[in-house]
PDB file of all heavy atoms in Angstrom:
ATOM      1  N   LEU A   1      97.269  98.269  49.608  1.00  0.00           N
ATOM      2  CA  LEU A   1      97.124  99.142  50.781  1.00  0.00           C
ATOM      3  C   LEU A   1      96.022  98.652  51.718  1.00  0.00           C
ATOM      4  O   LEU A   1      96.165  98.705  52.938  1.00  0.00           O
ATOM      5  CB  LEU A   1      96.848 100.579  50.333  1.00  0.00           C
ATOM      6  CG  LEU A   1      98.034 101.312  49.700  1.00  0.00           C
ATOM      7  CD1 LEU A   1      97.599 102.665  49.164  1.00  0.00           C
ATOM      8  CD2 LEU A   1      99.163 101.469  50.696  1.00  0.00           C
ATOM      9  N   ALA A   2      94.926  98.154  51.136  1.00  0.00           N
ATOM     10  CA  ALA A   2      93.841  97.627  51.966  1.00  0.00           C
ATOM     11  C   ALA A   2      94.309  96.402  52.741  1.00  0.00           C
ATOM     12  O   ALA A   2      93.987  96.242  53.924  1.00  0.00           O
ATOM     13  CB  ALA A   2      92.633  97.284  51.092  1.00  0.00           C
ATOM     14  N   GLU A   3      95.084  95.544  52.093  1.00  0.00           N
ATOM     15  CA  GLU A   3      95.607  94.337  52.763  1.00  0.00           C
ATOM     16  C   GLU A   3      96.572  94.724  53.884  1.00  0.00           C
ATOM     17  O   GLU A   3      96.538  94.148  54.975  1.00  0.00           O
ATOM     18  CB  GLU A   3      96.304  93.442  51.733  1.00  0.00           C
ATOM     19  CG  GLU A   3      96.807  92.135  52.299  1.00  0.00           C
ATOM     20  CD  GLU A   3      95.673  91.218  52.762  1.00  0.00           C
ATOM     21  OE1 GLU A   3      94.570  91.281  52.198  1.00  0.00           O
ATOM     22  OE2 GLU A   3      95.920  90.443  53.693  1.00  0.00           O
ATOM     23  N   LEU A   4      97.432  95.714  53.632  1.00  0.00           N
ATOM     24  CA  LEU A   4      98.357  96.178  54.672  1.00  0.00           C
ATOM     25  C   LEU A   4      97.611  96.784  55.857  1.00  0.00           C
ATOM     26  O   LEU A   4      97.978  96.554  57.018  1.00  0.00           O
ATOM     27  CB  LEU A   4      99.337  97.203  54.096  1.00  0.00           C
ATOM     28  CG  LEU A   4     100.407  96.655  53.163  1.00  0.00           C
ATOM     29  CD1 LEU A   4     101.192  97.793  52.530  1.00  0.00           C
ATOM     30  CD2 LEU A   4     101.330  95.718  53.905  1.00  0.00           C
ATOM     31  N   ASP A   5      96.575  97.563  55.578  1.00  0.00           N
ATOM     32  CA  ASP A   5      95.779  98.163  56.640  1.00  0.00           C
ATOM     33  C   ASP A   5      95.093  97.082  57.470  1.00  0.00           C
ATOM     34  O   ASP A   5      95.052  97.153  58.707  1.00  0.00           O
ATOM     35  CB  ASP A   5      94.747  99.122  56.045  1.00  0.00           C
ATOM     36  CG  ASP A   5      94.054  99.937  57.111  1.00  0.00           C
ATOM     37  OD1 ASP A   5      94.753 100.486  57.990  1.00  0.00           O
ATOM     38  OD2 ASP A   5      92.811 100.014  57.075  1.00  0.00           O
ATOM     39  N   LYS A   6      94.583  96.067  56.791  1.00  0.00           N
ATOM     40  CA  LYS A   6      93.920  94.955  57.480  1.00  0.00           C
ATOM     41  C   LYS A   6      94.910  94.221  58.399  1.00  0.00           C
ATOM     42  O   LYS A   6      94.608  93.905  59.550  1.00  0.00           O
ATOM     43  CB  LYS A   6      93.344  93.997  56.436  1.00  0.00           C
ATOM     44  CG  LYS A   6      92.598  92.819  56.979  1.00  0.00           C
ATOM     45  CD  LYS A   6      92.063  91.988  55.816  1.00  0.00           C
ATOM     46  CE  LYS A   6      91.517  90.665  56.287  1.00  0.00           C
ATOM     47  NZ  LYS A   6      91.062  89.830  55.171  1.00  0.00           N
ATOM     48  N   GLU A   7      96.112  93.972  57.890  1.00  0.00           N
ATOM     49  CA  GLU A   7      97.153  93.297  58.684  1.00  0.00           C
ATOM     50  C   GLU A   7      97.560  94.159  59.878  1.00  0.00           C
ATOM     51  O   GLU A   7      97.755  93.654  60.989  1.00  0.00           O
ATOM     52  CB  GLU A   7      98.360  93.006  57.789  1.00  0.00           C
ATOM     53  CG  GLU A   7      99.490  92.286  58.479  1.00  0.00           C
ATOM     54  CD  GLU A   7      99.176  90.844  58.823  1.00  0.00           C
ATOM     55  OE1 GLU A   7      98.176  90.296  58.327  1.00  0.00           O
ATOM     56  OE2 GLU A   7      99.942  90.258  59.601  1.00  0.00           O
ATOM     57  N   LYS A   8      97.679  95.466  59.660  1.00  0.00           N
ATOM     58  CA  LYS A   8      98.047  96.369  60.743  1.00  0.00           C
ATOM     59  C   LYS A   8      97.000  96.336  61.859  1.00  0.00           C
ATOM     60  O   LYS A   8      97.334  96.251  63.041  1.00  0.00           O
ATOM     61  CB  LYS A   8      98.176  97.786  60.196  1.00  0.00           C
ATOM     62  CG  LYS A   8      98.530  98.833  61.226  1.00  0.00           C
ATOM     63  CD  LYS A   8      98.607 100.192  60.578  1.00  0.00           C
ATOM     64  CE  LYS A   8      98.763 101.284  61.606  1.00  0.00           C
ATOM     65  NZ  LYS A   8      98.742 102.621  60.986  1.00  0.00           N
ATOM     66  N   ARG A   9      95.733  96.373  61.476  1.00  0.00           N
ATOM     67  CA  ARG A   9      94.658  96.324  62.476  1.00  0.00           C
ATOM     68  C   ARG A   9      94.674  95.000  63.237  1.00  0.00           C
ATOM     69  O   ARG A   9      94.473  94.971  64.442  1.00  0.00           O
ATOM     70  CB  ARG A   9      93.305  96.522  61.806  1.00  0.00           C
ATOM     71  CG  ARG A   9      93.077  97.939  61.368  1.00  0.00           C
ATOM     72  CD  ARG A   9      91.712  98.103  60.756  1.00  0.00           C
ATOM     73  NE  ARG A   9      91.573  99.451  60.209  1.00  0.00           N
ATOM     74  CZ  ARG A   9      90.658  99.796  59.348  1.00  0.00           C
ATOM     75  NH1 ARG A   9      89.790  98.898  58.907  1.00  0.00           N
ATOM     76  NH2 ARG A   9      90.591 101.018  58.900  1.00  0.00           N
ATOM     77  N   ARG A  10      94.937  93.908  62.524  1.00  0.00           N
ATOM     78  CA  ARG A  10      94.991  92.597  63.170  1.00  0.00           C
ATOM     79  C   ARG A  10      96.124  92.544  64.191  1.00  0.00           C
ATOM     80  O   ARG A  10      95.956  92.054  65.308  1.00  0.00           O
ATOM     81  CB  ARG A  10      95.174  91.492  62.118  1.00  0.00           C
ATOM     82  CG  ARG A  10      95.109  90.080  62.719  1.00  0.00           C
ATOM     83  CD  ARG A  10      95.458  89.010  61.699  1.00  0.00           C
ATOM     84  NE  ARG A  10      96.833  89.091  61.234  1.00  0.00           N
ATOM     85  CZ  ARG A  10      97.886  88.642  61.922  1.00  0.00           C
ATOM     86  NH1 ARG A  10      97.728  88.111  63.114  1.00  0.00           N
ATOM     87  NH2 ARG A  10      99.100  88.749  61.429  1.00  0.00           N
ATOM     88  N   LEU A  11      97.282  93.075  63.815  1.00  0.00           N
ATOM     89  CA  LEU A  11      98.422  93.079  64.735  1.00  0.00           C
ATOM     90  C   LEU A  11      98.163  93.966  65.950  1.00  0.00           C
ATOM     91  O   LEU A  11      98.503  93.598  67.076  1.00  0.00           O
ATOM     92  CB  LEU A  11      99.681  93.527  64.007  1.00  0.00           C
ATOM     93  CG  LEU A  11     100.241  92.536  62.988  1.00  0.00           C
ATOM     94  CD1 LEU A  11     101.378  93.168  62.201  1.00  0.00           C
ATOM     95  CD2 LEU A  11     100.703  91.272  63.667  1.00  0.00           C
ATOM     96  N   LEU A  12      97.566  95.132  65.720  1.00  0.00           N
ATOM     97  CA  LEU A  12      97.264  96.013  66.848  1.00  0.00           C
ATOM     98  C   LEU A  12      96.240  95.381  67.781  1.00  0.00           C
ATOM     99  O   LEU A  12      96.322  95.509  68.993  1.00  0.00           O
ATOM    100  CB  LEU A  12      96.776  97.369  66.341  1.00  0.00           C
ATOM    101  CG  LEU A  12      97.848  98.245  65.693  1.00  0.00           C
ATOM    102  CD1 LEU A  12      97.232  99.495  65.087  1.00  0.00           C
ATOM    103  CD2 LEU A  12      98.931  98.596  66.686  1.00  0.00           C
ATOM    104  N   GLN A  13      95.273  94.676  67.203  1.00  0.00           N
ATOM    105  CA  GLN A  13      94.263  94.012  68.023  1.00  0.00           C
ATOM    106  C   GLN A  13      94.893  92.874  68.823  1.00  0.00           C
ATOM    107  O   GLN A  13      94.614  92.721  70.011  1.00  0.00           O
ATOM    108  CB  GLN A  13      93.137  93.473  67.147  1.00  0.00           C
ATOM    109  CG  GLN A  13      92.030  92.812  67.936  1.00  0.00           C
ATOM    110  CD  GLN A  13      90.924  92.274  67.037  1.00  0.00           C
ATOM    111  OE1 GLN A  13      91.081  92.218  65.829  1.00  0.00           O
ATOM    112  NE2 GLN A  13      89.830  91.866  67.637  1.00  0.00           N
ATOM    113  N   SER A  14      95.764  92.096  68.207  1.00  0.00           N
ATOM    114  CA  SER A  14      96.403  90.997  68.930  1.00  0.00           C
ATOM    115  C   SER A  14      97.321  91.541  70.023  1.00  0.00           C
ATOM    116  O   SER A  14      97.452  90.942  71.080  1.00  0.00           O
ATOM    117  CB  SER A  14      97.178  90.097  67.975  1.00  0.00           C
ATOM    118  OG  SER A  14      98.301  90.766  67.451  1.00  0.00           O
ATOM    119  N   GLN A  15      97.919  92.700  69.770  1.00  0.00           N
ATOM    120  CA  GLN A  15      98.763  93.325  70.790  1.00  0.00           C
ATOM    121  C   GLN A  15      97.927  93.746  71.983  1.00  0.00           C
ATOM    122  O   GLN A  15      98.312  93.536  73.131  1.00  0.00           O
ATOM    123  CB  GLN A  15      99.480  94.532  70.211  1.00  0.00           C
ATOM    124  CG  GLN A  15     100.288  95.309  71.240  1.00  0.00           C
ATOM    125  CD  GLN A  15     100.807  96.618  70.691  1.00  0.00           C
ATOM    126  OE1 GLN A  15     100.722  96.873  69.501  1.00  0.00           O
ATOM    127  NE2 GLN A  15     101.328  97.450  71.547  1.00  0.00           N
ATOM    128  N   SER A  16      96.783  94.329  71.734  1.00  0.00           N
ATOM    129  CA  SER A  16      95.942  94.794  72.833  1.00  0.00           C
ATOM    130  C   SER A  16      95.346  93.629  73.619  1.00  0.00           C
ATOM    131  O   SER A  16      94.981  93.781  74.769  1.00  0.00           O
ATOM    132  CB  SER A  16      94.827  95.694  72.313  1.00  0.00           C
ATOM    133  OG  SER A  16      93.916  94.955  71.531  1.00  0.00           O
ATOM    134  N   LEU A  17      95.301  92.454  73.022  1.00  0.00           N
ATOM    135  CA  LEU A  17      94.795  91.279  73.722  1.00  0.00           C
ATOM    136  C   LEU A  17      95.885  90.553  74.489  1.00  0.00           C
ATOM    137  O   LEU A  17      95.652  89.522  75.087  1.00  0.00           O
ATOM    138  CB  LEU A  17      94.135  90.316  72.722  1.00  0.00           C
ATOM    139  CG  LEU A  17      92.869  90.830  72.047  1.00  0.00           C
ATOM    140  CD1 LEU A  17      92.398  89.833  70.994  1.00  0.00           C
ATOM    141  CD2 LEU A  17      91.781  91.071  73.059  1.00  0.00           C
ATOM    142  N   GLY A  18      97.109  91.059  74.440  1.00  0.00           N
ATOM    143  CA  GLY A  18      98.198  90.456  75.193  1.00  0.00           C
ATOM    144  C   GLY A  18      98.949  89.406  74.422  1.00  0.00           C
ATOM    145  O   GLY A  18      99.703  88.631  74.982  1.00  0.00           O
ATOM    146  N   ALA A  19      98.813  89.364  73.123  1.00  0.00           N
ATOM    147  CA  ALA A  19      99.493  88.363  72.317  1.00  0.00           C
ATOM    148  C   ALA A  19     100.715  88.947  71.645  1.00  0.00           C
ATOM    149  O   ALA A  19     101.024  88.621  70.517  1.00  0.00           O
ATOM    150  CB  ALA A  19      98.535  87.804  71.269  1.00  0.00           C
ATOM    151  N   VAL A  20     101.439  89.811  72.339  1.00  0.00           N
ATOM    152  CA  VAL A  20     102.596  90.466  71.749  1.00  0.00           C
ATOM    153  C   VAL A  20     103.694  89.468  71.430  1.00  0.00           C
ATOM    154  O   VAL A  20     104.377  89.578  70.434  1.00  0.00           O
ATOM    155  CB  VAL A  20     103.128  91.564  72.709  1.00  0.00           C
ATOM    156  CG1 VAL A  20     104.383  92.184  72.163  1.00  0.00           C
ATOM    157  CG2 VAL A  20     102.058  92.614  72.931  1.00  0.00           C
ATOM    158  N   GLY A  21     103.871  88.449  72.256  1.00  0.00           N
ATOM    159  CA  GLY A  21     104.948  87.491  72.057  1.00  0.00           C
ATOM    160  C   GLY A  21     104.622  86.376  71.091  1.00  0.00           C
ATOM    161  O   GLY A  21     105.393  85.457  70.948  1.00  0.00           O
ATOM    162  N   CYS A  22     103.493  86.420  70.410  1.00  0.00           N
ATOM    163  CA  CYS A  22     103.104  85.355  69.491  1.00  0.00           C
ATOM    164  C   CYS A  22     103.983  85.385  68.251  1.00  0.00           C
ATOM    165  O   CYS A  22     104.340  86.448  67.771  1.00  0.00           O
ATOM    166  CB  CYS A  22     101.646  85.495  69.063  1.00  0.00           C
ATOM    167  SG  CYS A  22     100.500  85.217  70.402  1.00  0.00           S
ATOM    168  N   PRO A  23     104.301  84.209  67.692  1.00  0.00           N
ATOM    169  CA  PRO A  23     105.066  84.180  66.449  1.00  0.00           C
ATOM    170  C   PRO A  23     104.277  84.872  65.347  1.00  0.00           C
ATOM    171  O   PRO A  23     103.079  84.738  65.247  1.00  0.00           O
ATOM    172  CB  PRO A  23     105.212  82.685  66.146  1.00  0.00           C
ATOM    173  CG  PRO A  23     104.921  81.986  67.427  1.00  0.00           C
ATOM    174  CD  PRO A  23     104.020  82.896  68.215  1.00  0.00           C
ATOM    175  N   GLY A  24     104.986  85.629  64.533  1.00  0.00           N
ATOM    176  CA  GLY A  24     104.345  86.315  63.430  1.00  0.00           C
ATOM    177  C   GLY A  24     103.852  87.703  63.787  1.00  0.00           C
ATOM    178  O   GLY A  24     103.450  88.450  62.922  1.00  0.00           O
ATOM    179  N   ALA A  25     103.874  88.058  65.049  1.00  0.00           N
ATOM    180  CA  ALA A  25     103.419  89.393  65.446  1.00  0.00           C
ATOM    181  C   ALA A  25     104.614  90.325  65.378  1.00  0.00           C
ATOM    182  O   ALA A  25     105.276  90.587  66.359  1.00  0.00           O
ATOM    183  CB  ALA A  25     102.834  89.363  66.858  1.00  0.00           C
ATOM    184  N   SER A  26     104.889  90.806  64.189  1.00  0.00           N
ATOM    185  CA  SER A  26     106.079  91.632  63.985  1.00  0.00           C
ATOM    186  C   SER A  26     105.708  93.099  64.001  1.00  0.00           C
ATOM    187  O   SER A  26     105.644  93.742  62.976  1.00  0.00           O
ATOM    188  CB  SER A  26     106.757  91.252  62.664  1.00  0.00           C
ATOM    189  OG  SER A  26     105.827  91.396  61.614  1.00  0.00           O
ATOM    190  N   VAL A  27     105.476  93.635  65.173  1.00  0.00           N
ATOM    191  CA  VAL A  27     105.167  95.042  65.344  1.00  0.00           C
ATOM    192  C   VAL A  27     106.446  95.719  65.805  1.00  0.00           C
ATOM    193  O   VAL A  27     107.133  95.233  66.686  1.00  0.00           O
ATOM    194  CB  VAL A  27     104.038  95.245  66.382  1.00  0.00           C
ATOM    195  CG1 VAL A  27     103.763  96.715  66.593  1.00  0.00           C
ATOM    196  CG2 VAL A  27     102.787  94.520  65.951  1.00  0.00           C
ATOM    197  N   GLY A  28     106.779  96.858  65.223  1.00  0.00           N
ATOM    198  CA  GLY A  28     108.004  97.561  65.553  1.00  0.00           C
ATOM    199  C   GLY A  28     107.970  98.122  66.962  1.00  0.00           C
ATOM    200  O   GLY A  28     106.924  98.238  67.586  1.00  0.00           O
ATOM    201  N   LEU A  29     109.146  98.522  67.462  1.00  0.00           N
ATOM    202  CA  LEU A  29     109.250  99.069  68.816  1.00  0.00           C
ATOM    203  C   LEU A  29     108.475 100.369  68.950  1.00  0.00           C
ATOM    204  O   LEU A  29     107.939 100.658  70.014  1.00  0.00           O
ATOM    205  CB  LEU A  29     110.723  99.314  69.162  1.00  0.00           C
ATOM    206  CG  LEU A  29     111.586  98.079  69.363  1.00  0.00           C
ATOM    207  CD1 LEU A  29     113.023  98.498  69.639  1.00  0.00           C
ATOM    208  CD2 LEU A  29     111.065  97.219  70.483  1.00  0.00           C
ATOM    209  N   ALA A  30     108.387 101.145  67.886  1.00  0.00           N
ATOM    210  CA  ALA A  30     107.685 102.420  67.979  1.00  0.00           C
ATOM    211  C   ALA A  30     106.194 102.212  68.211  1.00  0.00           C
ATOM    212  O   ALA A  30     105.530 103.060  68.789  1.00  0.00           O
ATOM    213  CB  ALA A  30     107.903 103.222  66.704  1.00  0.00           C
ATOM    214  N   ALA A  31     105.652 101.088  67.764  1.00  0.00           N
ATOM    215  CA  ALA A  31     104.227 100.829  67.945  1.00  0.00           C
ATOM    216  C   ALA A  31     103.917 100.300  69.339  1.00  0.00           C
ATOM    217  O   ALA A  31     102.767 100.169  69.705  1.00  0.00           O
ATOM    218  CB  ALA A  31     103.750  99.830  66.899  1.00  0.00           C
ATOM    219  N   ARG A  32     104.946  99.971  70.111  1.00  0.00           N
ATOM    220  CA  ARG A  32     104.742  99.424  71.451  1.00  0.00           C
ATOM    221  C   ARG A  32     105.430 100.299  72.484  1.00  0.00           C
ATOM    222  O   ARG A  32     106.502  99.970  72.964  1.00  0.00           O
ATOM    223  CB  ARG A  32     105.298  98.007  71.533  1.00  0.00           C
ATOM    224  CG  ARG A  32     104.511  97.016  70.739  1.00  0.00           C
ATOM    225  CD  ARG A  32     105.016  95.645  70.991  1.00  0.00           C
ATOM    226  NE  ARG A  32     106.190  95.415  70.151  1.00  0.00           N
ATOM    227  CZ  ARG A  32     106.798  94.256  70.045  1.00  0.00           C
ATOM    228  NH1 ARG A  32     106.380  93.229  70.720  1.00  0.00           N
ATOM    229  NH2 ARG A  32     107.843  94.122  69.273  1.00  0.00           N
ATOM    230  N   PRO A  33     104.852 101.437  72.846  1.00  0.00           N
ATOM    231  CA  PRO A  33     105.480 102.255  73.881  1.00  0.00           C
ATOM    232  C   PRO A  33     105.488 101.488  75.192  1.00  0.00           C
ATOM    233  O   PRO A  33     104.566 100.768  75.504  1.00  0.00           O
ATOM    234  CB  PRO A  33     104.588 103.490  73.948  1.00  0.00           C
ATOM    235  CG  PRO A  33     103.280 103.065  73.382  1.00  0.00           C
ATOM    236  CD  PRO A  33     103.589 101.969  72.391  1.00  0.00           C
ATOM    237  N   GLY A  34     106.550 101.634  75.933  1.00  0.00           N
ATOM    238  CA  GLY A  34     106.657 100.934  77.201  1.00  0.00           C
ATOM    239  C   GLY A  34     107.506  99.683  77.100  1.00  0.00           C
ATOM    240  O   GLY A  34     107.935  99.156  78.108  1.00  0.00           O
ATOM    241  N   LEU A  35     107.762  99.186  75.895  1.00  0.00           N
ATOM    242  CA  LEU A  35     108.580  97.987  75.738  1.00  0.00           C
ATOM    243  C   LEU A  35     110.010  98.256  76.186  1.00  0.00           C
ATOM    244  O   LEU A  35     110.611  97.442  76.862  1.00  0.00           O
ATOM    245  CB  LEU A  35     108.551  97.497  74.292  1.00  0.00           C
ATOM    246  CG  LEU A  35     109.353  96.230  74.021  1.00  0.00           C
ATOM    247  CD1 LEU A  35     108.731  95.062  74.800  1.00  0.00           C
ATOM    248  CD2 LEU A  35     109.369  95.910  72.550  1.00  0.00           C
ATOM    249  N   LYS A  36     110.540  99.431  75.831  1.00  0.00           N
ATOM    250  CA  LYS A  36     111.904  99.771  76.233  1.00  0.00           C
ATOM    251  C   LYS A  36     112.010  99.846  77.752  1.00  0.00           C
ATOM    252  O   LYS A  36     112.961  99.341  78.331  1.00  0.00           O
ATOM    253  CB  LYS A  36     112.319 101.099  75.610  1.00  0.00           C
ATOM    254  CG  LYS A  36     113.762 101.483  75.906  1.00  0.00           C
ATOM    255  CD  LYS A  36     114.101 102.791  75.238  1.00  0.00           C
ATOM    256  CE  LYS A  36     115.527 103.214  75.384  1.00  0.00           C
ATOM    257  NZ  LYS A  36     116.187 102.962  76.607  1.00  0.00           N
ATOM    258  N   GLU A  37     111.003 100.456  78.394  1.00  0.00           N
ATOM    259  CA  GLU A  37     111.025 100.557  79.850  1.00  0.00           C
ATOM    260  C   GLU A  37     110.949  99.174  80.490  1.00  0.00           C
ATOM    261  O   GLU A  37     111.617  98.901  81.481  1.00  0.00           O
ATOM    262  CB  GLU A  37     109.872 101.436  80.350  1.00  0.00           C
ATOM    263  CG  GLU A  37     110.024 102.899  80.019  1.00  0.00           C
ATOM    264  CD  GLU A  37     109.554 103.254  78.614  1.00  0.00           C
ATOM    265  OE1 GLU A  37     108.949 102.389  77.937  1.00  0.00           O
ATOM    266  OE2 GLU A  37     109.809 104.388  78.171  1.00  0.00           O
ATOM    267  N   THR A  38     110.145  98.300  79.921  1.00  0.00           N
ATOM    268  CA  THR A  38     110.024  96.938  80.438  1.00  0.00           C
ATOM    269  C   THR A  38     111.341  96.204  80.306  1.00  0.00           C
ATOM    270  O   THR A  38     111.788  95.524  81.225  1.00  0.00           O
ATOM    271  CB  THR A  38     108.916  96.173  79.686  1.00  0.00           C
ATOM    272  OG1 THR A  38     107.704  96.899  79.807  1.00  0.00           O
ATOM    273  CG2 THR A  38     108.741  94.775  80.232  1.00  0.00           C
ATOM    274  N   ARG A  39     111.992  96.357  79.138  1.00  0.00           N
ATOM    275  CA  ARG A  39     113.272  95.687  78.916  1.00  0.00           C
ATOM    276  C   ARG A  39     114.324  96.236  79.866  1.00  0.00           C
ATOM    277  O   ARG A  39     115.107  95.480  80.442  1.00  0.00           O
ATOM    278  CB  ARG A  39     113.705  95.867  77.458  1.00  0.00           C
ATOM    279  CG  ARG A  39     114.966  95.079  77.128  1.00  0.00           C
ATOM    280  CD  ARG A  39     115.388  95.236  75.684  1.00  0.00           C
ATOM    281  NE  ARG A  39     115.714  96.620  75.415  1.00  0.00           N
ATOM    282  CZ  ARG A  39     115.275  97.300  74.380  1.00  0.00           C
ATOM    283  NH1 ARG A  39     114.479  96.760  73.517  1.00  0.00           N
ATOM    284  NH2 ARG A  39     115.620  98.563  74.197  1.00  0.00           N
ATOM    285  N   ASP A  40     114.354  97.574  80.060  1.00  0.00           N
ATOM    286  CA  ASP A  40     115.321  98.171  80.977  1.00  0.00           C
ATOM    287  C   ASP A  40     115.096  97.690  82.403  1.00  0.00           C
ATOM    288  O   ASP A  40     116.046  97.414  83.131  1.00  0.00           O
ATOM    289  CB  ASP A  40     115.236  99.692  80.923  1.00  0.00           C
ATOM    290  CG  ASP A  40     115.764 100.262  79.618  1.00  0.00           C
ATOM    291  OD1 ASP A  40     116.428  99.526  78.868  1.00  0.00           O
ATOM    292  OD2 ASP A  40     115.490 101.453  79.343  1.00  0.00           O
TER     293      ASP A  40
END
């Protein structure tokens, strides 16, 4: 659980830095509000 929490924080931090499109950044659509609007 600690490892999962650490990975989650790393992904959220990379997302906030604009690295959403980086390989390995597998964050679900629910964690990225606005992605659907951007795609539409």
